[in-house]
N, C-alpha and C. Protein backbone atom coordinates (compact mmCIF):
# COMPACT_ATOMS: atom_id res chain seq x y z
N MET A 1 -41.60 9.36 -142.16
CA MET A 1 -41.82 8.03 -142.58
C MET A 1 -41.39 7.16 -141.49
N SER A 2 -42.30 6.35 -140.98
CA SER A 2 -41.98 5.38 -139.96
C SER A 2 -41.84 4.02 -140.67
N SER A 3 -40.77 3.31 -140.12
CA SER A 3 -40.51 1.96 -140.80
C SER A 3 -40.08 1.00 -139.70
N SER A 4 -40.56 -0.22 -139.75
CA SER A 4 -40.31 -1.18 -138.69
C SER A 4 -38.94 -1.86 -138.91
N LYS A 5 -38.40 -1.89 -140.16
CA LYS A 5 -37.14 -2.52 -140.43
C LYS A 5 -36.47 -1.72 -141.52
N LYS A 6 -35.07 -1.79 -141.56
CA LYS A 6 -34.38 -1.00 -142.57
C LYS A 6 -34.71 -1.32 -143.98
N GLU A 7 -35.05 -2.56 -144.27
CA GLU A 7 -35.41 -2.95 -145.70
C GLU A 7 -36.65 -2.19 -146.17
N ASP A 8 -37.44 -1.82 -145.23
CA ASP A 8 -38.73 -1.16 -145.64
C ASP A 8 -38.53 0.30 -146.15
N LEU A 9 -37.32 0.76 -145.90
CA LEU A 9 -37.01 2.15 -146.45
C LEU A 9 -36.81 2.19 -147.91
N PHE A 10 -36.75 1.05 -148.64
CA PHE A 10 -36.36 0.91 -150.02
C PHE A 10 -37.51 0.24 -150.77
N PRO A 11 -37.60 0.42 -152.10
CA PRO A 11 -36.78 1.34 -152.90
C PRO A 11 -37.10 2.84 -152.53
N PHE A 12 -36.18 3.69 -152.83
CA PHE A 12 -36.33 5.12 -152.61
C PHE A 12 -35.72 5.93 -153.75
N THR A 13 -36.53 6.87 -154.24
CA THR A 13 -36.01 7.76 -155.28
C THR A 13 -35.67 9.09 -154.59
N SER A 14 -34.38 9.43 -154.79
CA SER A 14 -33.80 10.67 -154.26
C SER A 14 -33.70 11.78 -155.31
N SER A 15 -34.14 12.99 -154.99
CA SER A 15 -33.94 14.05 -155.88
C SER A 15 -32.87 15.04 -155.49
N SER A 16 -32.18 14.73 -154.42
CA SER A 16 -31.11 15.64 -153.92
C SER A 16 -30.17 14.96 -153.05
N GLU A 17 -28.96 15.64 -152.81
CA GLU A 17 -28.04 15.12 -151.89
C GLU A 17 -28.71 15.04 -150.45
N LEU A 18 -29.49 16.04 -150.05
CA LEU A 18 -30.12 16.07 -148.79
C LEU A 18 -31.03 14.82 -148.56
N GLU A 19 -31.78 14.48 -149.60
CA GLU A 19 -32.70 13.36 -149.58
C GLU A 19 -31.87 12.04 -149.39
N THR A 20 -30.77 11.98 -150.14
CA THR A 20 -29.96 10.81 -150.00
C THR A 20 -29.35 10.66 -148.69
N ARG A 21 -28.88 11.79 -148.09
CA ARG A 21 -28.34 11.82 -146.66
C ARG A 21 -29.40 11.49 -145.69
N SER A 22 -30.62 11.97 -145.92
CA SER A 22 -31.72 11.58 -145.01
C SER A 22 -32.05 10.09 -144.95
N LEU A 23 -32.02 9.50 -146.12
CA LEU A 23 -32.30 8.06 -146.17
C LEU A 23 -31.11 7.31 -145.41
N GLY A 24 -29.91 7.82 -145.64
CA GLY A 24 -28.81 7.25 -144.96
C GLY A 24 -28.85 7.33 -143.48
N HIS A 25 -29.45 8.48 -143.02
CA HIS A 25 -29.63 8.61 -141.58
C HIS A 25 -30.64 7.64 -140.99
N ARG A 26 -31.78 7.51 -141.76
CA ARG A 26 -32.84 6.59 -141.32
C ARG A 26 -32.35 5.21 -141.33
N PHE A 27 -31.53 4.79 -142.31
CA PHE A 27 -30.99 3.52 -142.39
C PHE A 27 -30.05 3.21 -141.29
N GLY A 28 -29.16 4.25 -141.05
CA GLY A 28 -28.12 4.21 -140.01
C GLY A 28 -28.66 3.92 -138.60
N ILE A 29 -29.88 4.37 -138.28
CA ILE A 29 -30.47 4.17 -136.98
C ILE A 29 -30.62 2.70 -136.68
N PHE A 30 -30.72 1.86 -137.70
CA PHE A 30 -30.91 0.43 -137.48
C PHE A 30 -29.59 -0.30 -137.39
N LEU A 31 -28.49 0.32 -137.73
CA LEU A 31 -27.15 -0.40 -137.79
C LEU A 31 -26.62 -0.64 -136.41
N GLN A 32 -25.92 -1.75 -136.34
CA GLN A 32 -25.34 -2.16 -135.02
C GLN A 32 -23.84 -2.51 -135.24
N ALA A 33 -23.12 -2.56 -134.15
CA ALA A 33 -21.72 -2.94 -134.16
C ALA A 33 -21.55 -4.25 -135.04
N GLY A 34 -20.53 -4.27 -135.83
CA GLY A 34 -20.24 -5.49 -136.67
C GLY A 34 -20.96 -5.45 -138.04
N ASP A 35 -21.96 -4.60 -138.24
CA ASP A 35 -22.66 -4.59 -139.55
C ASP A 35 -21.71 -4.09 -140.62
N VAL A 36 -21.94 -4.68 -141.84
CA VAL A 36 -21.20 -4.24 -143.04
C VAL A 36 -22.31 -3.86 -144.08
N VAL A 37 -22.02 -2.64 -144.72
CA VAL A 37 -22.95 -2.17 -145.70
C VAL A 37 -22.09 -1.97 -146.98
N ALA A 38 -22.47 -2.62 -148.10
CA ALA A 38 -21.79 -2.52 -149.34
C ALA A 38 -22.63 -1.55 -150.22
N LEU A 39 -22.02 -0.49 -150.71
CA LEU A 39 -22.73 0.49 -151.50
C LEU A 39 -22.20 0.43 -152.92
N VAL A 40 -23.16 -0.04 -153.84
CA VAL A 40 -22.79 -0.33 -155.25
C VAL A 40 -23.43 0.87 -156.04
N GLY A 41 -22.52 1.48 -156.88
CA GLY A 41 -23.06 2.56 -157.81
C GLY A 41 -21.94 3.20 -158.48
N ASP A 42 -22.23 3.86 -159.60
CA ASP A 42 -21.27 4.53 -160.45
C ASP A 42 -20.65 5.68 -159.77
N LEU A 43 -19.58 6.26 -160.31
CA LEU A 43 -19.07 7.60 -159.82
C LEU A 43 -20.14 8.64 -159.74
N GLY A 44 -20.22 9.25 -158.67
CA GLY A 44 -21.16 10.40 -158.52
C GLY A 44 -22.58 9.89 -158.18
N ALA A 45 -22.79 8.64 -157.94
CA ALA A 45 -24.20 8.16 -157.73
C ALA A 45 -24.76 8.69 -156.39
N GLY A 46 -23.82 8.92 -155.48
CA GLY A 46 -24.46 9.35 -154.13
C GLY A 46 -24.01 8.54 -152.97
N LYS A 47 -22.98 7.59 -153.23
CA LYS A 47 -22.62 6.71 -152.10
C LYS A 47 -22.06 7.43 -150.89
N THR A 48 -21.28 8.47 -151.13
CA THR A 48 -20.68 9.21 -149.99
C THR A 48 -21.82 10.06 -149.30
N GLN A 49 -22.73 10.56 -150.04
CA GLN A 49 -23.86 11.30 -149.41
C GLN A 49 -24.60 10.35 -148.46
N PHE A 50 -24.88 9.10 -148.85
CA PHE A 50 -25.55 8.13 -148.11
C PHE A 50 -24.75 7.90 -146.82
N VAL A 51 -23.42 7.73 -146.95
CA VAL A 51 -22.57 7.52 -145.76
C VAL A 51 -22.61 8.69 -144.83
N LYS A 52 -22.74 9.95 -145.34
CA LYS A 52 -22.84 11.10 -144.51
C LYS A 52 -24.09 11.01 -143.62
N GLY A 53 -25.14 10.52 -144.24
CA GLY A 53 -26.44 10.33 -143.45
C GLY A 53 -26.30 9.31 -142.34
N VAL A 54 -25.57 8.18 -142.69
CA VAL A 54 -25.39 7.12 -141.65
C VAL A 54 -24.55 7.73 -140.41
N ALA A 55 -23.50 8.51 -140.89
CA ALA A 55 -22.65 9.10 -139.87
C ALA A 55 -23.45 10.00 -138.93
N GLU A 56 -24.39 10.75 -139.50
CA GLU A 56 -25.30 11.61 -138.74
C GLU A 56 -26.09 10.87 -137.70
N ALA A 57 -26.50 9.64 -138.07
CA ALA A 57 -27.27 8.79 -137.17
C ALA A 57 -26.43 8.42 -135.87
N PHE A 58 -25.06 8.53 -136.09
CA PHE A 58 -24.18 8.24 -134.94
C PHE A 58 -23.51 9.45 -134.42
N LYS A 59 -24.16 10.67 -134.74
CA LYS A 59 -23.82 11.97 -134.18
C LYS A 59 -22.44 12.53 -134.71
N PHE A 60 -22.07 12.03 -135.93
CA PHE A 60 -20.93 12.61 -136.56
C PHE A 60 -21.38 13.73 -137.46
N PRO A 61 -20.85 14.89 -137.51
CA PRO A 61 -21.26 15.95 -138.43
C PRO A 61 -20.98 15.55 -139.87
N PRO A 62 -21.97 15.66 -140.73
CA PRO A 62 -21.78 15.29 -142.10
C PRO A 62 -20.71 15.96 -142.84
N GLU A 63 -20.38 17.20 -142.45
CA GLU A 63 -19.27 17.92 -143.06
C GLU A 63 -17.92 17.32 -142.73
N ASP A 64 -17.85 16.45 -141.75
CA ASP A 64 -16.58 15.75 -141.36
C ASP A 64 -16.41 14.53 -142.25
N VAL A 65 -17.41 14.11 -143.01
CA VAL A 65 -17.36 12.87 -143.76
C VAL A 65 -17.05 13.22 -145.21
N SER A 66 -15.98 12.60 -145.70
CA SER A 66 -15.58 12.82 -147.10
C SER A 66 -15.18 11.45 -147.73
N SER A 67 -15.14 11.46 -148.98
CA SER A 67 -14.80 10.19 -149.72
C SER A 67 -13.40 9.87 -149.36
N PRO A 68 -13.06 8.63 -149.01
CA PRO A 68 -11.73 8.16 -148.70
C PRO A 68 -11.01 7.62 -149.90
N THR A 69 -11.30 8.23 -151.16
CA THR A 69 -10.72 7.63 -152.34
C THR A 69 -9.21 7.45 -152.35
N PHE A 70 -8.54 8.43 -151.83
CA PHE A 70 -7.02 8.46 -151.79
C PHE A 70 -6.48 7.74 -150.51
N THR A 71 -7.29 7.78 -149.45
CA THR A 71 -6.71 7.22 -148.20
C THR A 71 -7.28 5.78 -147.98
N ILE A 72 -8.19 5.41 -148.77
CA ILE A 72 -8.89 4.09 -148.69
C ILE A 72 -9.83 3.92 -147.52
N VAL A 73 -9.48 4.38 -146.35
CA VAL A 73 -10.39 4.20 -145.18
C VAL A 73 -10.35 5.50 -144.38
N HIS A 74 -11.53 5.98 -144.03
CA HIS A 74 -11.70 7.02 -142.99
C HIS A 74 -12.35 6.35 -141.74
N GLU A 75 -11.77 6.60 -140.66
CA GLU A 75 -12.38 6.09 -139.36
C GLU A 75 -12.99 7.22 -138.58
N TYR A 76 -14.18 6.92 -138.11
CA TYR A 76 -14.94 7.89 -137.29
C TYR A 76 -15.26 7.10 -136.02
N ARG A 77 -14.80 7.71 -134.91
CA ARG A 77 -15.11 7.05 -133.62
C ARG A 77 -15.86 7.99 -132.69
N GLY A 78 -16.88 7.34 -132.09
CA GLY A 78 -17.78 8.10 -131.09
C GLY A 78 -18.55 7.06 -130.44
N SER A 79 -19.88 7.16 -130.53
CA SER A 79 -20.73 6.16 -129.86
C SER A 79 -20.62 4.86 -130.47
N ALA A 80 -20.09 4.78 -131.72
CA ALA A 80 -19.76 3.51 -132.49
C ALA A 80 -18.53 3.89 -133.39
N ALA A 81 -17.84 2.82 -133.79
CA ALA A 81 -16.72 3.01 -134.76
C ALA A 81 -17.32 2.81 -136.13
N LEU A 82 -17.09 3.81 -136.98
CA LEU A 82 -17.53 3.71 -138.35
C LEU A 82 -16.34 3.70 -139.19
N TYR A 83 -16.26 2.72 -140.13
CA TYR A 83 -15.18 2.63 -141.09
C TYR A 83 -15.76 2.87 -142.51
N HIS A 84 -15.40 4.00 -143.08
CA HIS A 84 -15.85 4.29 -144.47
C HIS A 84 -14.77 3.97 -145.48
N MET A 85 -15.02 3.04 -146.24
CA MET A 85 -13.99 2.54 -147.20
C MET A 85 -14.31 2.85 -148.62
N ASP A 86 -13.35 3.20 -149.41
CA ASP A 86 -13.56 3.41 -150.79
C ASP A 86 -12.45 2.60 -151.47
N LEU A 87 -12.89 1.46 -152.08
CA LEU A 87 -11.94 0.48 -152.71
C LEU A 87 -11.67 0.75 -154.13
N TYR A 88 -12.13 1.88 -154.69
CA TYR A 88 -11.95 2.12 -156.09
C TYR A 88 -10.55 1.97 -156.61
N ARG A 89 -9.56 2.48 -155.88
CA ARG A 89 -8.20 2.51 -156.36
C ARG A 89 -7.44 1.19 -156.08
N LEU A 90 -8.07 0.24 -155.40
CA LEU A 90 -7.39 -1.02 -155.11
C LEU A 90 -7.40 -1.87 -156.31
N LYS A 91 -6.31 -2.66 -156.58
CA LYS A 91 -6.21 -3.39 -157.83
C LYS A 91 -6.30 -4.86 -157.67
N ASP A 92 -5.84 -5.37 -156.51
CA ASP A 92 -5.79 -6.85 -156.35
C ASP A 92 -5.77 -7.24 -154.87
N GLU A 93 -5.62 -8.51 -154.63
CA GLU A 93 -5.62 -9.09 -153.30
C GLU A 93 -4.58 -8.48 -152.42
N THR A 94 -3.40 -8.23 -152.95
CA THR A 94 -2.30 -7.56 -152.26
C THR A 94 -2.71 -6.25 -151.73
N ASP A 95 -3.32 -5.41 -152.53
CA ASP A 95 -3.77 -4.07 -152.15
C ASP A 95 -4.82 -4.18 -151.02
N LEU A 96 -5.73 -5.14 -151.12
CA LEU A 96 -6.75 -5.28 -150.07
C LEU A 96 -6.07 -5.73 -148.71
N LEU A 97 -5.14 -6.63 -148.79
CA LEU A 97 -4.41 -7.01 -147.64
C LEU A 97 -3.64 -5.88 -146.98
N GLN A 98 -2.89 -5.17 -147.79
CA GLN A 98 -2.07 -4.07 -147.31
C GLN A 98 -2.99 -2.99 -146.66
N ALA A 99 -4.12 -2.74 -147.23
CA ALA A 99 -5.00 -1.72 -146.70
C ALA A 99 -5.74 -2.20 -145.35
N GLY A 100 -5.65 -3.54 -145.08
CA GLY A 100 -6.18 -4.05 -143.83
C GLY A 100 -7.73 -4.17 -143.90
N ILE A 101 -8.25 -4.34 -145.08
CA ILE A 101 -9.72 -4.40 -145.20
C ILE A 101 -10.28 -5.55 -144.39
N GLU A 102 -9.71 -6.68 -144.41
CA GLU A 102 -10.23 -7.80 -143.71
C GLU A 102 -10.33 -7.52 -142.17
N GLU A 103 -9.35 -6.88 -141.62
CA GLU A 103 -9.35 -6.53 -140.22
C GLU A 103 -10.45 -5.53 -139.88
N TYR A 104 -10.69 -4.64 -140.72
CA TYR A 104 -11.80 -3.63 -140.55
C TYR A 104 -13.10 -4.38 -140.49
N LEU A 105 -13.34 -5.30 -141.39
CA LEU A 105 -14.55 -6.05 -141.49
C LEU A 105 -14.90 -6.91 -140.28
N THR A 106 -13.86 -7.31 -139.56
CA THR A 106 -14.02 -8.22 -138.44
C THR A 106 -13.77 -7.42 -137.10
N SER A 107 -13.65 -6.10 -137.14
CA SER A 107 -13.24 -5.35 -135.92
C SER A 107 -14.37 -5.08 -134.93
N GLY A 108 -15.59 -5.32 -135.39
CA GLY A 108 -16.77 -5.00 -134.55
C GLY A 108 -17.26 -3.65 -134.76
N GLY A 109 -16.69 -2.83 -135.66
CA GLY A 109 -17.19 -1.57 -136.01
C GLY A 109 -18.25 -1.73 -137.12
N ILE A 110 -18.78 -0.61 -137.60
CA ILE A 110 -19.71 -0.58 -138.75
C ILE A 110 -18.88 -0.19 -139.93
N SER A 111 -18.88 -1.12 -140.90
CA SER A 111 -18.19 -0.83 -142.13
C SER A 111 -19.10 -0.45 -143.25
N LEU A 112 -18.75 0.63 -143.96
CA LEU A 112 -19.50 1.17 -145.07
C LEU A 112 -18.53 1.19 -146.26
N ILE A 113 -18.84 0.31 -147.25
CA ILE A 113 -17.86 0.18 -148.30
C ILE A 113 -18.38 0.61 -149.70
N GLU A 114 -17.60 1.56 -150.24
CA GLU A 114 -17.85 2.00 -151.67
C GLU A 114 -16.98 1.11 -152.55
N TRP A 115 -17.51 0.69 -153.67
CA TRP A 115 -16.84 -0.21 -154.61
C TRP A 115 -16.60 -1.57 -154.01
N PRO A 116 -17.51 -2.15 -153.35
CA PRO A 116 -17.36 -3.46 -152.60
C PRO A 116 -17.03 -4.58 -153.52
N GLN A 117 -17.36 -4.51 -154.80
CA GLN A 117 -17.09 -5.58 -155.74
C GLN A 117 -15.55 -5.87 -155.77
N LYS A 118 -14.72 -4.99 -155.35
CA LYS A 118 -13.26 -5.24 -155.32
C LYS A 118 -12.87 -6.19 -154.19
N ALA A 119 -13.77 -6.37 -153.21
CA ALA A 119 -13.49 -7.20 -152.10
C ALA A 119 -14.64 -8.17 -151.85
N GLU A 120 -15.35 -8.49 -152.95
CA GLU A 120 -16.61 -9.30 -152.77
C GLU A 120 -16.32 -10.61 -151.97
N HIS A 121 -15.16 -11.25 -152.17
CA HIS A 121 -14.85 -12.48 -151.52
C HIS A 121 -14.63 -12.34 -150.02
N LEU A 122 -14.37 -11.08 -149.56
CA LEU A 122 -14.12 -10.82 -148.12
C LEU A 122 -15.33 -10.44 -147.43
N LEU A 123 -16.43 -10.06 -148.11
CA LEU A 123 -17.67 -9.57 -147.49
C LEU A 123 -18.35 -10.77 -146.70
N PRO A 124 -18.58 -10.46 -145.45
CA PRO A 124 -19.16 -11.53 -144.56
C PRO A 124 -20.67 -11.77 -144.86
N ALA A 125 -21.14 -13.01 -144.48
CA ALA A 125 -22.57 -13.26 -144.50
C ALA A 125 -23.25 -12.16 -143.69
N GLY A 126 -24.31 -11.69 -144.16
CA GLY A 126 -25.07 -10.67 -143.48
C GLY A 126 -24.74 -9.29 -143.89
N THR A 127 -23.91 -9.10 -144.99
CA THR A 127 -23.54 -7.83 -145.55
C THR A 127 -24.85 -7.25 -146.20
N HIS A 128 -25.15 -6.04 -145.88
CA HIS A 128 -26.27 -5.35 -146.44
C HIS A 128 -25.74 -4.75 -147.79
N ILE A 129 -26.44 -4.99 -148.89
CA ILE A 129 -26.03 -4.52 -150.22
C ILE A 129 -27.03 -3.50 -150.69
N ILE A 130 -26.63 -2.23 -150.97
CA ILE A 130 -27.46 -1.24 -151.42
C ILE A 130 -26.94 -0.69 -152.74
N SER A 131 -27.81 -0.67 -153.74
CA SER A 131 -27.50 -0.25 -155.08
C SER A 131 -28.07 1.23 -155.25
N ILE A 132 -27.18 2.17 -155.84
CA ILE A 132 -27.62 3.49 -156.09
C ILE A 132 -27.33 3.74 -157.58
N THR A 133 -28.44 4.00 -158.31
CA THR A 133 -28.28 4.26 -159.84
C THR A 133 -28.86 5.58 -160.17
N HIS A 134 -28.16 6.21 -161.13
CA HIS A 134 -28.66 7.48 -161.75
C HIS A 134 -30.00 7.20 -162.49
N GLN A 135 -30.86 8.15 -162.35
CA GLN A 135 -32.11 8.12 -162.99
C GLN A 135 -32.09 9.44 -163.84
N SER A 136 -33.22 9.87 -164.43
CA SER A 136 -33.26 11.03 -165.18
C SER A 136 -33.36 12.25 -164.30
N GLU A 137 -32.96 13.37 -164.84
CA GLU A 137 -33.17 14.73 -164.21
C GLU A 137 -32.52 14.74 -162.82
N GLY A 138 -31.33 14.15 -162.57
CA GLY A 138 -30.65 14.23 -161.32
C GLY A 138 -31.26 13.35 -160.18
N LYS A 139 -32.17 12.51 -160.63
CA LYS A 139 -32.69 11.59 -159.50
C LYS A 139 -31.87 10.33 -159.42
N ARG A 140 -31.90 9.73 -158.24
CA ARG A 140 -31.15 8.55 -157.97
C ARG A 140 -32.15 7.48 -157.41
N LEU A 141 -32.06 6.24 -157.75
CA LEU A 141 -32.82 5.17 -157.18
C LEU A 141 -31.98 4.39 -156.28
N LEU A 142 -32.38 4.33 -155.01
CA LEU A 142 -31.65 3.54 -154.01
C LEU A 142 -32.45 2.28 -153.74
N GLU A 143 -31.80 1.12 -153.85
CA GLU A 143 -32.51 -0.13 -153.61
C GLU A 143 -31.73 -1.00 -152.66
N TYR A 144 -32.45 -1.61 -151.80
CA TYR A 144 -31.84 -2.62 -150.89
C TYR A 144 -31.79 -3.88 -151.71
N VAL A 145 -30.66 -4.25 -152.22
CA VAL A 145 -30.58 -5.45 -153.13
C VAL A 145 -30.77 -6.69 -152.33
N CYS A 146 -29.97 -6.94 -151.25
CA CYS A 146 -30.11 -8.16 -150.52
C CYS A 146 -29.25 -8.08 -149.24
N LEU A 147 -29.46 -9.06 -148.46
CA LEU A 147 -28.68 -9.35 -147.29
C LEU A 147 -27.83 -10.48 -147.77
N ARG A 148 -26.49 -10.32 -147.88
CA ARG A 148 -25.61 -11.39 -148.38
C ARG A 148 -25.67 -12.65 -147.51
N THR A 149 -25.86 -13.75 -148.16
CA THR A 149 -25.90 -15.05 -147.42
C THR A 149 -24.52 -15.87 -147.70
N PRO A 150 -24.27 -16.83 -146.89
CA PRO A 150 -22.99 -17.51 -147.08
C PRO A 150 -22.89 -18.20 -148.34
């Protein structure tokens, strides 16, 4: 599938983890230093699989990518710095500040955020918002919701 811009990849219905990762890879090719991607979806929706695909676009082995639920942030450094954040366990502004979320978002790396609604007020203009929802029979619908504006 050829696409002239990342938004053209969506909507996309995935039937497997491999398809979700493949879409993440194709999306990742378009990402540049400083980009922020907010991944919205329920537990088990496929957010981490999407991040594995983005990581592949930057030559990181997908098996090295895991959900940072307990560590909050995983850093992957190579041709680009990728920051994979899972904010699920954060409760308030103090937790966000202690985790250094704001610094990651302004570091010039590529930030991929699971459960971004916990830090919505910190997301910069230009944040790419992707929604992943469960459908029937193990399918997931991935939609490019918007590019956040100020």
